[in-house]
Amino acid sequence: MKREGDHIIIVDLWVDDIIALGDFLDVIISFKAALSSRFKVDDKGELKWFLGMEVRHTKDAIEINQKKYIEDILHRFGMGNCKPVATPAIEKLTSA
Protein backbone atom coordinates (compact mmCIF):
# COMPACT_ATOMS: atom_id res chain seq x y z
CA MET A 1 0.00 0.00 0.00
CA LYS A 2 1.27 3.44 -0.88
CA ARG A 3 -0.20 6.88 -0.52
CA GLU A 4 0.36 9.33 -3.33
CA GLY A 5 -0.87 12.68 -2.03
CA ASP A 6 -4.53 12.14 -1.19
CA HIS A 7 -4.72 8.92 -3.20
CA ILE A 8 -3.91 5.33 -2.35
CA ILE A 9 -2.72 2.32 -4.35
CA ILE A 10 -2.75 -1.27 -3.12
CA VAL A 11 -0.62 -3.86 -4.91
CA ASP A 12 -1.17 -7.60 -4.46
CA LEU A 13 1.54 -9.91 -5.80
CA TRP A 14 1.28 -13.69 -6.10
CA VAL A 15 4.15 -15.43 -7.93
CA ASP A 16 3.82 -13.77 -11.35
CA ASP A 17 0.37 -12.19 -10.99
CA ILE A 18 -0.10 -8.61 -9.83
CA ILE A 19 -3.27 -6.74 -8.95
CA ALA A 20 -3.17 -2.96 -8.60
CA LEU A 21 -6.13 -1.32 -6.86
CA GLY A 22 -6.64 2.31 -6.09
CA ASP A 23 -9.04 5.15 -5.67
CA PHE A 24 -7.77 7.17 -8.65
CA LEU A 25 -7.23 5.75 -12.14
CA ASP A 26 -4.32 8.08 -13.00
CA VAL A 27 -2.30 6.71 -10.05
CA ILE A 28 -2.88 3.13 -11.25
CA ILE A 29 -1.93 4.05 -14.83
CA SER A 30 1.24 5.74 -13.56
CA PHE A 31 2.13 2.65 -11.49
CA LYS A 32 1.60 0.33 -14.47
CA ALA A 33 3.76 2.58 -16.68
CA ALA A 34 6.57 2.55 -14.11
CA LEU A 35 6.34 -1.23 -13.81
CA SER A 36 6.31 -1.66 -17.61
CA SER A 37 9.43 0.45 -17.96
CA ARG A 38 11.42 -2.06 -15.87
CA PHE A 39 9.71 -5.42 -16.54
CA LYS A 40 7.84 -7.22 -19.29
CA VAL A 41 4.18 -6.76 -18.38
CA ASP A 42 1.09 -8.35 -19.92
CA ASP A 43 -1.90 -6.20 -18.91
CA LYS A 44 -5.05 -8.33 -18.96
CA GLY A 45 -7.35 -5.36 -18.31
CA GLU A 46 -10.11 -5.44 -15.74
CA LEU A 47 -9.71 -8.23 -13.19
CA LYS A 48 -12.05 -11.18 -13.81
CA TRP A 49 -10.21 -14.14 -12.19
CA PHE A 50 -7.50 -14.32 -9.52
CA LEU A 51 -6.20 -17.45 -7.75
CA GLY A 52 -9.29 -19.42 -8.80
CA MET A 53 -11.71 -16.76 -7.57
CA GLU A 54 -14.14 -15.03 -9.91
CA VAL A 55 -14.21 -11.25 -9.54
CA ARG A 56 -17.26 -9.31 -10.74
CA HIS A 57 -17.58 -5.56 -10.81
CA THR A 58 -20.96 -3.97 -10.28
CA LYS A 59 -21.96 -0.34 -9.96
CA ASP A 60 -21.89 -0.52 -6.15
CA ALA A 61 -19.45 -3.30 -5.29
CA ILE A 62 -16.75 -5.76 -6.20
CA GLU A 63 -17.99 -9.33 -5.71
CA ILE A 64 -15.67 -12.30 -5.24
CA ASN A 65 -16.80 -15.93 -5.34
CA GLN A 66 -15.41 -19.44 -5.71
CA LYS A 67 -18.38 -20.96 -7.56
CA LYS A 68 -16.24 -22.69 -10.22
CA TYR A 69 -13.90 -24.14 -7.59
CA ILE A 70 -16.85 -25.55 -5.62
CA GLU A 71 -18.42 -27.00 -8.79
CA ASP A 72 -15.09 -28.65 -9.72
CA ILE A 73 -14.82 -30.23 -6.24
CA LEU A 74 -18.41 -31.52 -6.43
CA HIS A 75 -17.76 -33.10 -9.85
CA ARG A 76 -14.46 -34.63 -8.67
CA PHE A 77 -16.30 -36.48 -5.89
CA GLY A 78 -19.30 -37.49 -8.02
CA MET A 79 -21.65 -34.95 -6.49
CA GLY A 80 -22.08 -32.65 -9.50
CA ASN A 81 -25.77 -33.47 -9.89
CA CYS A 82 -26.71 -33.00 -6.23
CA LYS A 83 -29.48 -30.53 -5.43
CA PRO A 84 -28.57 -27.44 -3.39
CA VAL A 85 -29.98 -26.99 0.11
CA ALA A 86 -30.34 -23.67 1.88
CA THR A 87 -27.94 -23.14 4.75
CA PRO A 88 -29.18 -21.05 7.67
CA ALA A 89 -27.10 -17.93 8.16
CA ILE A 90 -27.31 -14.62 9.91
CA GLU A 91 -28.67 -12.18 7.33
CA LYS A 92 -27.54 -8.91 8.89
CA LEU A 93 -24.54 -8.43 11.08
CA THR A 94 -24.20 -5.42 13.30
CA SER A 95 -21.13 -4.15 15.07
CA ALA A 96 -21.20 -4.19 18.84
PDB file of N, CA and C in Angstrom:
ATOM      1  N   MET A   1       0.847  -1.162   0.000  1.00  0.00           N
ATOM      2  CA  MET A   1       0.000   0.000   0.000  1.00  0.00           C
ATOM      3  C   MET A   1       0.899   1.234   0.000  1.00  0.00           C
ATOM      4  N   LYS A   2       0.516   2.198  -0.809  1.00  0.00           N
ATOM      5  CA  LYS A   2       1.275   3.436  -0.884  1.00  0.00           C
ATOM      6  C   LYS A   2       0.311   4.600  -1.056  1.00  0.00           C
ATOM      7  N   ARG A   3       0.586   5.656  -0.355  1.00  0.00           N
ATOM      8  CA  ARG A   3      -0.199   6.876  -0.521  1.00  0.00           C
ATOM      9  C   ARG A   3       0.545   7.812  -1.456  1.00  0.00           C
ATOM     10  N   GLU A   4      -0.189   8.364  -2.380  1.00  0.00           N
ATOM     11  CA  GLU A   4       0.355   9.333  -3.329  1.00  0.00           C
ATOM     12  C   GLU A   4      -0.494  10.588  -3.182  1.00  0.00           C
ATOM     13  N   GLY A   5      -0.046  11.511  -2.329  1.00  0.00           N
ATOM     14  CA  GLY A   5      -0.873  12.678  -2.029  1.00  0.00           C
ATOM     15  C   GLY A   5      -2.107  12.231  -1.269  1.00  0.00           C
ATOM     16  N   ASP A   6      -3.265  12.545  -1.815  1.00  0.00           N
ATOM     17  CA  ASP A   6      -4.529  12.144  -1.194  1.00  0.00           C
ATOM     18  C   ASP A   6      -5.028  10.792  -1.691  1.00  0.00           C
ATOM     19  N   HIS A   7      -4.276  10.168  -2.588  1.00  0.00           N
ATOM     20  CA  HIS A   7      -4.720   8.921  -3.201  1.00  0.00           C
ATOM     21  C   HIS A   7      -3.929   7.738  -2.668  1.00  0.00           C
ATOM     22  N   ILE A   8      -4.524   6.549  -2.872  1.00  0.00           N
ATOM     23  CA  ILE A   8      -3.910   5.328  -2.353  1.00  0.00           C
ATOM     24  C   ILE A   8      -3.857   4.284  -3.469  1.00  0.00           C
ATOM     25  N   ILE A   9      -2.814   3.464  -3.449  1.00  0.00           N
ATOM     26  CA  ILE A   9      -2.719   2.323  -4.355  1.00  0.00           C
ATOM     27  C   ILE A   9      -2.342   1.099  -3.521  1.00  0.00           C
ATOM     28  N   ILE A  10      -3.016  -0.002  -3.793  1.00  0.00           N
ATOM     29  CA  ILE A  10      -2.754  -1.271  -3.115  1.00  0.00           C
ATOM     30  C   ILE A  10      -2.306  -2.259  -4.185  1.00  0.00           C
ATOM     31  N   VAL A  11      -1.168  -2.915  -3.952  1.00  0.00           N
ATOM     32  CA  VAL A  11      -0.622  -3.863  -4.913  1.00  0.00           C
ATOM     33  C   VAL A  11      -0.580  -5.234  -4.253  1.00  0.00           C
ATOM     34  N   ASP A  12      -1.155  -6.218  -4.930  1.00  0.00           N
ATOM     35  CA  ASP A  12      -1.171  -7.601  -4.456  1.00  0.00           C
ATOM     36  C   ASP A  12      -0.356  -8.428  -5.441  1.00  0.00           C
ATOM     37  N   LEU A  13       0.651  -9.120  -4.951  1.00  0.00           N
ATOM     38  CA  LEU A  13       1.537  -9.908  -5.798  1.00  0.00           C
ATOM     39  C   LEU A  13       1.476 -11.367  -5.377  1.00  0.00           C
ATOM     40  N   TRP A  14       1.271 -12.255  -6.345  1.00  0.00           N
ATOM     41  CA  TRP A  14       1.282 -13.689  -6.095  1.00  0.00           C
ATOM     42  C   TRP A  14       2.052 -14.343  -7.234  1.00  0.00           C
ATOM     43  N   VAL A  15       3.238 -14.816  -6.976  1.00  0.00           N
ATOM     44  CA  VAL A  15       4.154 -15.435  -7.934  1.00  0.00           C
ATOM     45  C   VAL A  15       4.383 -14.489  -9.117  1.00  0.00           C
ATOM     46  N   ASP A  16       3.633 -14.654 -10.207  1.00  0.00           N
ATOM     47  CA  ASP A  16       3.822 -13.771 -11.349  1.00  0.00           C
ATOM     48  C   ASP A  16       2.544 -13.018 -11.716  1.00  0.00           C
ATOM     49  N   ASP A  17       1.605 -12.945 -10.798  1.00  0.00           N
ATOM     50  CA  ASP A  17       0.366 -12.192 -10.993  1.00  0.00           C
ATOM     51  C   ASP A  17       0.356 -10.982 -10.071  1.00  0.00           C
ATOM     52  N   ILE A  18      -0.036  -9.850 -10.619  1.00  0.00           N
ATOM     53  CA  ILE A  18      -0.103  -8.614  -9.832  1.00  0.00           C
ATOM     54  C   ILE A  18      -1.471  -7.984 -10.017  1.00  0.00           C
ATOM     55  N   ILE A  19      -2.039  -7.525  -8.919  1.00  0.00           N
ATOM     56  CA  ILE A  19      -3.271  -6.740  -8.947  1.00  0.00           C
ATOM     57  C   ILE A  19      -2.928  -5.374  -8.386  1.00  0.00           C
ATOM     58  N   ALA A  20      -3.339  -4.331  -9.095  1.00  0.00           N
ATOM     59  CA  ALA A  20      -3.169  -2.964  -8.603  1.00  0.00           C
ATOM     60  C   ALA A  20      -4.548  -2.347  -8.423  1.00  0.00           C
ATOM     61  N   LEU A  21      -4.838  -1.937  -7.192  1.00  0.00           N
ATOM     62  CA  LEU A  21      -6.126  -1.321  -6.864  1.00  0.00           C
ATOM     63  C   LEU A  21      -5.880   0.083  -6.350  1.00  0.00           C
ATOM     64  N   GLY A  22      -6.797   0.962  -6.613  1.00  0.00           N
ATOM     65  CA  GLY A  22      -6.636   2.306  -6.094  1.00  0.00           C
ATOM     66  C   GLY A  22      -7.904   3.114  -6.216  1.00  0.00           C
ATOM     67  N   ASP A  23      -7.861   4.297  -5.654  1.00  0.00           N
ATOM     68  CA  ASP A  23      -9.039   5.154  -5.671  1.00  0.00           C
ATOM     69  C   ASP A  23      -8.973   6.226  -6.759  1.00  0.00           C
ATOM     70  N   PHE A  24      -7.922   6.170  -7.600  1.00  0.00           N
ATOM     71  CA  PHE A  24      -7.775   7.166  -8.650  1.00  0.00           C
ATOM     72  C   PHE A  24      -7.069   6.515  -9.835  1.00  0.00           C
ATOM     73  N   LEU A  25      -7.737   6.473 -10.976  1.00  0.00           N
ATOM     74  CA  LEU A  25      -7.233   5.750 -12.141  1.00  0.00           C
ATOM     75  C   LEU A  25      -5.861   6.249 -12.603  1.00  0.00           C
ATOM     76  N   ASP A  26      -5.614   7.549 -12.547  1.00  0.00           N
ATOM     77  CA  ASP A  26      -4.321   8.078 -12.998  1.00  0.00           C
ATOM     78  C   ASP A  26      -3.151   7.524 -12.186  1.00  0.00           C
ATOM     79  N   VAL A  27      -3.357   7.279 -10.898  1.00  0.00           N
ATOM     80  CA  VAL A  27      -2.301   6.710 -10.054  1.00  0.00           C
ATOM     81  C   VAL A  27      -2.016   5.270 -10.475  1.00  0.00           C
ATOM     82  N   ILE A  28      -3.053   4.512 -10.795  1.00  0.00           N
ATOM     83  CA  ILE A  28      -2.876   3.127 -11.249  1.00  0.00           C
ATOM     84  C   ILE A  28      -2.170   3.104 -12.598  1.00  0.00           C
ATOM     85  N   ILE A  29      -2.570   3.979 -13.508  1.00  0.00           N
ATOM     86  CA  ILE A  29      -1.935   4.050 -14.825  1.00  0.00           C
ATOM     87  C   ILE A  29      -0.455   4.412 -14.679  1.00  0.00           C
ATOM     88  N   SER A  30      -0.146   5.336 -13.804  1.00  0.00           N
ATOM     89  CA  SER A  30       1.236   5.738 -13.557  1.00  0.00           C
ATOM     90  C   SER A  30       2.050   4.574 -12.991  1.00  0.00           C
ATOM     91  N   PHE A  31       1.465   3.821 -12.060  1.00  0.00           N
ATOM     92  CA  PHE A  31       2.129   2.651 -11.486  1.00  0.00           C
ATOM     93  C   PHE A  31       2.419   1.610 -12.565  1.00  0.00           C
ATOM     94  N   LYS A  32       1.412   1.318 -13.409  1.00  0.00           N
ATOM     95  CA  LYS A  32       1.597   0.330 -14.473  1.00  0.00           C
ATOM     96  C   LYS A  32       2.670   0.772 -15.462  1.00  0.00           C
ATOM     97  N   ALA A  33       2.734   2.064 -15.768  1.00  0.00           N
ATOM     98  CA  ALA A  33       3.758   2.582 -16.680  1.00  0.00           C
ATOM     99  C   ALA A  33       5.151   2.413 -16.073  1.00  0.00           C
ATOM    100  N   ALA A  34       5.283   2.705 -14.785  1.00  0.00           N
ATOM    101  CA  ALA A  34       6.575   2.554 -14.110  1.00  0.00           C
ATOM    102  C   ALA A  34       6.992   1.087 -14.092  1.00  0.00           C
ATOM    103  N   LEU A  35       6.061   0.197 -13.827  1.00  0.00           N
ATOM    104  CA  LEU A  35       6.344  -1.233 -13.809  1.00  0.00           C
ATOM    105  C   LEU A  35       6.750  -1.718 -15.210  1.00  0.00           C
ATOM    106  N   SER A  36       6.030  -1.254 -16.227  1.00  0.00           N
ATOM    107  CA  SER A  36       6.307  -1.660 -17.608  1.00  0.00           C
ATOM    108  C   SER A  36       7.660  -1.168 -18.096  1.00  0.00           C
ATOM    109  N   SER A  37       8.138  -0.067 -17.526  1.00  0.00           N
ATOM    110  CA  SER A  37       9.430   0.454 -17.964  1.00  0.00           C
ATOM    111  C   SER A  37      10.592  -0.401 -17.454  1.00  0.00           C
ATOM    112  N   ARG A  38      10.346  -1.223 -16.445  1.00  0.00           N
ATOM    113  CA  ARG A  38      11.422  -2.059 -15.868  1.00  0.00           C
ATOM    114  C   ARG A  38      11.244  -3.548 -16.145  1.00  0.00           C
ATOM    115  N   PHE A  39       9.991  -3.988 -16.371  1.00  0.00           N
ATOM    116  CA  PHE A  39       9.711  -5.415 -16.545  1.00  0.00           C
ATOM    117  C   PHE A  39       8.781  -5.626 -17.733  1.00  0.00           C
ATOM    118  N   LYS A  40       8.796  -6.852 -18.257  1.00  0.00           N
ATOM    119  CA  LYS A  40       7.839  -7.218 -19.293  1.00  0.00           C
ATOM    120  C   LYS A  40       6.490  -7.440 -18.603  1.00  0.00           C
ATOM    121  N   VAL A  41       5.496  -6.706 -19.030  1.00  0.00           N
ATOM    122  CA  VAL A  41       4.181  -6.761 -18.384  1.00  0.00           C
ATOM    123  C   VAL A  41       3.124  -7.097 -19.428  1.00  0.00           C
ATOM    124  N   ASP A  42       2.221  -7.997 -19.068  1.00  0.00           N
ATOM    125  CA  ASP A  42       1.090  -8.347 -19.916  1.00  0.00           C
ATOM    126  C   ASP A  42      -0.173  -7.898 -19.186  1.00  0.00           C
ATOM    127  N   ASP A  43      -0.719  -6.763 -19.571  1.00  0.00           N
ATOM    128  CA  ASP A  43      -1.899  -6.196 -18.908  1.00  0.00           C
ATOM    129  C   ASP A  43      -3.150  -6.884 -19.431  1.00  0.00           C
ATOM    130  N   LYS A  44      -3.845  -7.594 -18.574  1.00  0.00           N
ATOM    131  CA  LYS A  44      -5.047  -8.329 -18.958  1.00  0.00           C
ATOM    132  C   LYS A  44      -6.312  -7.485 -18.828  1.00  0.00           C
ATOM    133  N   GLY A  45      -6.170  -6.219 -18.443  1.00  0.00           N
ATOM    134  CA  GLY A  45      -7.349  -5.356 -18.310  1.00  0.00           C
ATOM    135  C   GLY A  45      -8.032  -5.546 -16.965  1.00  0.00           C
ATOM    136  N   GLU A  46      -9.332  -5.347 -16.982  1.00  0.00           N
ATOM    137  CA  GLU A  46     -10.111  -5.439 -15.744  1.00  0.00           C
ATOM    138  C   GLU A  46     -10.043  -6.858 -15.175  1.00  0.00           C
ATOM    139  N   LEU A  47      -9.845  -6.950 -13.872  1.00  0.00           N
ATOM    140  CA  LEU A  47      -9.707  -8.233 -13.186  1.00  0.00           C
ATOM    141  C   LEU A  47     -11.003  -9.038 -13.253  1.00  0.00           C
ATOM    142  N   LYS A  48     -10.897 -10.288 -13.748  1.00  0.00           N
ATOM    143  CA  LYS A  48     -12.053 -11.181 -13.807  1.00  0.00           C
ATOM    144  C   LYS A  48     -11.816 -12.448 -12.983  1.00  0.00           C
ATOM    145  N   TRP A  49     -10.565 -12.940 -12.949  1.00  0.00           N
ATOM    146  CA  TRP A  49     -10.207 -14.142 -12.191  1.00  0.00           C
ATOM    147  C   TRP A  49      -8.892 -13.892 -11.485  1.00  0.00           C
ATOM    148  N   PHE A  50      -8.763 -14.396 -10.244  1.00  0.00           N
ATOM    149  CA  PHE A  50      -7.495 -14.318  -9.520  1.00  0.00           C
ATOM    150  C   PHE A  50      -7.446 -15.462  -8.527  1.00  0.00           C
ATOM    151  N   LEU A  51      -6.414 -16.298  -8.645  1.00  0.00           N
ATOM    152  CA  LEU A  51      -6.203 -17.450  -7.755  1.00  0.00           C
ATOM    153  C   LEU A  51      -7.452 -18.330  -7.651  1.00  0.00           C
ATOM    154  N   GLY A  52      -8.113 -18.558  -8.779  1.00  0.00           N
ATOM    155  CA  GLY A  52      -9.288 -19.418  -8.800  1.00  0.00           C
ATOM    156  C   GLY A  52     -10.568 -18.757  -8.326  1.00  0.00           C
ATOM    157  N   MET A  53     -10.523 -17.477  -8.020  1.00  0.00           N
ATOM    158  CA  MET A  53     -11.715 -16.764  -7.574  1.00  0.00           C
ATOM    159  C   MET A  53     -12.225 -15.880  -8.700  1.00  0.00           C
ATOM    160  N   GLU A  54     -13.536 -15.905  -8.910  1.00  0.00           N
ATOM    161  CA  GLU A  54     -14.140 -15.030  -9.910  1.00  0.00           C
ATOM    162  C   GLU A  54     -14.371 -13.660  -9.277  1.00  0.00           C
ATOM    163  N   VAL A  55     -14.041 -12.619 -10.020  1.00  0.00           N
ATOM    164  CA  VAL A  55     -14.206 -11.251  -9.537  1.00  0.00           C
ATOM    165  C   VAL A  55     -15.161 -10.541 -10.487  1.00  0.00           C
ATOM    166  N   ARG A  56     -16.272 -10.044  -9.922  1.00  0.00           N
ATOM    167  CA  ARG A  56     -17.258  -9.314 -10.736  1.00  0.00           C
ATOM    168  C   ARG A  56     -17.389  -7.892 -10.222  1.00  0.00           C
ATOM    169  N   HIS A  57     -17.440  -6.971 -11.151  1.00  0.00           N
ATOM    170  CA  HIS A  57     -17.577  -5.558 -10.807  1.00  0.00           C
ATOM    171  C   HIS A  57     -19.004  -5.122 -11.081  1.00  0.00           C
ATOM    172  N   THR A  58     -19.643  -4.545 -10.096  1.00  0.00           N
ATOM    173  CA  THR A  58     -20.961  -3.968 -10.284  1.00  0.00           C
ATOM    174  C   THR A  58     -20.858  -2.467 -10.015  1.00  0.00           C
ATOM    175  N   LYS A  59     -21.953  -1.787 -10.185  1.00  0.00           N
ATOM    176  CA  LYS A  59     -21.957  -0.344  -9.958  1.00  0.00           C
ATOM    177  C   LYS A  59     -21.597   0.005  -8.520  1.00  0.00           C
ATOM    178  N   ASP A  60     -22.044  -0.831  -7.575  1.00  0.00           N
ATOM    179  CA  ASP A  60     -21.890  -0.519  -6.154  1.00  0.00           C
ATOM    180  C   ASP A  60     -20.854  -1.351  -5.414  1.00  0.00           C
ATOM    181  N   ALA A  61     -20.317  -2.402  -6.064  1.00  0.00           N
ATOM    182  CA  ALA A  61     -19.454  -3.302  -5.294  1.00  0.00           C
ATOM    183  C   ALA A  61     -18.529  -4.110  -6.197  1.00  0.00           C
ATOM    184  N   ILE A  62     -17.587  -4.755  -5.559  1.00  0.00           N
ATOM    185  CA  ILE A  62     -16.755  -5.764  -6.202  1.00  0.00           C
ATOM    186  C   ILE A  62     -17.100  -7.071  -5.504  1.00  0.00           C
ATOM    187  N   GLU A  63     -17.571  -8.052  -6.272  1.00  0.00           N
ATOM    188  CA  GLU A  63     -17.992  -9.331  -5.706  1.00  0.00           C
ATOM    189  C   GLU A  63     -16.961 -10.401  -6.042  1.00  0.00           C
ATOM    190  N   ILE A  64     -16.633 -11.217  -5.062  1.00  0.00           N
ATOM    191  CA  ILE A  64     -15.666 -12.304  -5.244  1.00  0.00           C
ATOM    192  C   ILE A  64     -16.341 -13.607  -4.842  1.00  0.00           C
ATOM    193  N   ASN A  65     -16.228 -14.635  -5.705  1.00  0.00           N
ATOM    194  CA  ASN A  65     -16.795 -15.929  -5.337  1.00  0.00           C
ATOM    195  C   ASN A  65     -15.905 -17.058  -5.835  1.00  0.00           C
ATOM    196  N   GLN A  66     -16.160 -18.252  -5.328  1.00  0.00           N
ATOM    197  CA  GLN A  66     -15.410 -19.444  -5.707  1.00  0.00           C
ATOM    198  C   GLN A  66     -16.351 -20.497  -6.284  1.00  0.00           C
ATOM    199  N   LYS A  67     -17.372 -20.059  -7.009  1.00  0.00           N
ATOM    200  CA  LYS A  67     -18.377 -20.960  -7.556  1.00  0.00           C
ATOM    201  C   LYS A  67     -17.746 -22.061  -8.425  1.00  0.00           C
ATOM    202  N   LYS A  68     -16.861 -21.691  -9.344  1.00  0.00           N
ATOM    203  CA  LYS A  68     -16.241 -22.688 -10.224  1.00  0.00           C
ATOM    204  C   LYS A  68     -15.428 -23.704  -9.426  1.00  0.00           C
ATOM    205  N   TYR A  69     -14.686 -23.243  -8.425  1.00  0.00           N
ATOM    206  CA  TYR A  69     -13.898 -24.142  -7.590  1.00  0.00           C
ATOM    207  C   TYR A  69     -14.811 -25.149  -6.885  1.00  0.00           C
ATOM    208  N   ILE A  70     -15.905 -24.665  -6.326  1.00  0.00           N
ATOM    209  CA  ILE A  70     -16.850 -25.548  -5.621  1.00  0.00           C
ATOM    210  C   ILE A  70     -17.463 -26.550  -6.591  1.00  0.00           C
ATOM    211  N   GLU A  71     -17.851 -26.089  -7.794  1.00  0.00           N
ATOM    212  CA  GLU A  71     -18.416 -27.005  -8.793  1.00  0.00           C
ATOM    213  C   GLU A  71     -17.401 -28.066  -9.204  1.00  0.00           C
ATOM    214  N   ASP A  72     -16.135 -27.677  -9.368  1.00  0.00           N
ATOM    215  CA  ASP A  72     -15.091 -28.647  -9.717  1.00  0.00           C
ATOM    216  C   ASP A  72     -14.917 -29.704  -8.624  1.00  0.00           C
ATOM    217  N   ILE A  73     -14.946 -29.287  -7.367  1.00  0.00           N
ATOM    218  CA  ILE A  73     -14.821 -30.234  -6.238  1.00  0.00           C
ATOM    219  C   ILE A  73     -16.010 -31.193  -6.225  1.00  0.00           C
ATOM    220  N   LEU A  74     -17.222 -30.668  -6.413  1.00  0.00           N
ATOM    221  CA  LEU A  74     -18.414 -31.523  -6.430  1.00  0.00           C
ATOM    222  C   LEU A  74     -18.318 -32.558  -7.552  1.00  0.00           C
ATOM    223  N   HIS A  75     -17.892 -32.149  -8.732  1.00  0.00           N
ATOM    224  CA  HIS A  75     -17.759 -33.095  -9.846  1.00  0.00           C
ATOM    225  C   HIS A  75     -16.670 -34.128  -9.573  1.00  0.00           C
ATOM    226  N   ARG A  76     -15.562 -33.709  -8.968  1.00  0.00           N
ATOM    227  CA  ARG A  76     -14.460 -34.630  -8.673  1.00  0.00           C
ATOM    228  C   ARG A  76     -14.924 -35.765  -7.762  1.00  0.00           C
ATOM    229  N   PHE A  77     -15.830 -35.469  -6.843  1.00  0.00           N
ATOM    230  CA  PHE A  77     -16.300 -36.485  -5.895  1.00  0.00           C
ATOM    231  C   PHE A  77     -17.662 -37.058  -6.267  1.00  0.00           C
ATOM    232  N   GLY A  78     -18.064 -36.877  -7.538  1.00  0.00           N
ATOM    233  CA  GLY A  78     -19.296 -37.487  -8.023  1.00  0.00           C
ATOM    234  C   GLY A  78     -20.555 -36.858  -7.465  1.00  0.00           C
ATOM    235  N   MET A  79     -20.487 -35.619  -7.076  1.00  0.00           N
ATOM    236  CA  MET A  79     -21.652 -34.953  -6.485  1.00  0.00           C
ATOM    237  C   MET A  79     -22.133 -33.774  -7.344  1.00  0.00           C
ATOM    238  N   GLY A  80     -21.743 -33.762  -8.624  1.00  0.00           N
ATOM    239  CA  GLY A  80     -22.079 -32.649  -9.502  1.00  0.00           C
ATOM    240  C   GLY A  80     -23.560 -32.472  -9.758  1.00  0.00           C
ATOM    241  N   ASN A  81     -24.340 -33.549  -9.622  1.00  0.00           N
ATOM    242  CA  ASN A  81     -25.775 -33.465  -9.888  1.00  0.00           C
ATOM    243  C   ASN A  81     -26.606 -33.332  -8.614  1.00  0.00           C
ATOM    244  N   CYS A  82     -25.975 -33.142  -7.486  1.00  0.00           N
ATOM    245  CA  CYS A  82     -26.705 -32.998  -6.228  1.00  0.00           C
ATOM    246  C   CYS A  82     -27.511 -31.709  -6.231  1.00  0.00           C
ATOM    247  N   LYS A  83     -28.627 -31.724  -5.521  1.00  0.00           N
ATOM    248  CA  LYS A  83     -29.476 -30.534  -5.430  1.00  0.00           C
ATOM    249  C   LYS A  83     -29.005 -29.662  -4.275  1.00  0.00           C
ATOM    250  N   PRO A  84     -28.991 -28.341  -4.469  1.00  0.00           N
ATOM    251  CA  PRO A  84     -28.575 -27.439  -3.387  1.00  0.00           C
ATOM    252  C   PRO A  84     -29.601 -27.395  -2.260  1.00  0.00           C
ATOM    253  N   VAL A  85     -29.126 -27.132  -1.069  1.00  0.00           N
ATOM    254  CA  VAL A  85     -29.980 -26.988   0.107  1.00  0.00           C
ATOM    255  C   VAL A  85     -29.603 -25.678   0.781  1.00  0.00           C
ATOM    256  N   ALA A  86     -30.603 -24.942   1.207  1.00  0.00           N
ATOM    257  CA  ALA A  86     -30.344 -23.671   1.882  1.00  0.00           C
ATOM    258  C   ALA A  86     -29.614 -23.923   3.199  1.00  0.00           C
ATOM    259  N   THR A  87     -28.678 -23.073   3.502  1.00  0.00           N
ATOM    260  CA  THR A  87     -27.940 -23.142   4.754  1.00  0.00           C
ATOM    261  C   THR A  87     -28.342 -21.954   5.612  1.00  0.00           C
ATOM    262  N   PRO A  88     -28.804 -22.197   6.820  1.00  0.00           N
ATOM    263  CA  PRO A  88     -29.182 -21.054   7.673  1.00  0.00           C
ATOM    264  C   PRO A  88     -27.970 -20.164   7.946  1.00  0.00           C
ATOM    265  N   ALA A  89     -28.185 -18.888   7.872  1.00  0.00           N
ATOM    266  CA  ALA A  89     -27.103 -17.935   8.155  1.00  0.00           C
ATOM    267  C   ALA A  89     -27.703 -16.640   8.699  1.00  0.00           C
ATOM    268  N   ILE A  90     -26.894 -15.923   9.401  1.00  0.00           N
ATOM    269  CA  ILE A  90     -27.306 -14.618   9.907  1.00  0.00           C
ATOM    270  C   ILE A  90     -27.364 -13.675   8.716  1.00  0.00           C
ATOM    271  N   GLU A  91     -28.507 -13.034   8.502  1.00  0.00           N
ATOM    272  CA  GLU A  91     -28.667 -12.179   7.331  1.00  0.00           C
ATOM    273  C   GLU A  91     -28.019 -10.823   7.498  1.00  0.00           C
ATOM    274  N   LYS A  92     -28.115 -10.248   8.666  1.00  0.00           N
ATOM    275  CA  LYS A  92     -27.540  -8.913   8.885  1.00  0.00           C
ATOM    276  C   LYS A  92     -26.671  -8.937  10.114  1.00  0.00           C
ATOM    277  N   LEU A  93     -25.444  -8.527   9.953  1.00  0.00           N
ATOM    278  CA  LEU A  93     -24.535  -8.433  11.084  1.00  0.00           C
ATOM    279  C   LEU A  93     -24.436  -6.974  11.503  1.00  0.00           C
ATOM    280  N   THR A  94     -24.363  -6.768  12.793  1.00  0.00           N
ATOM    281  CA  THR A  94     -24.196  -5.420  13.298  1.00  0.00           C
ATOM    282  C   THR A  94     -22.956  -5.392  14.176  1.00  0.00           C
ATOM    283  N   SER A  95     -22.312  -4.253  14.210  1.00  0.00           N
ATOM    284  CA  SER A  95     -21.131  -4.152  15.067  1.00  0.00           C
ATOM    285  C   SER A  95     -21.564  -3.831  16.477  1.00  0.00           C
ATOM    286  N   ALA A  96     -20.845  -4.382  17.438  1.00  0.00           N
ATOM    287  CA  ALA A  96     -21.201  -4.192  18.838  1.00  0.00           C
ATOM    288  C   ALA A  96     -20.732  -2.854  19.346  1.00  0.00           C
TER     289      ALA A  96
END
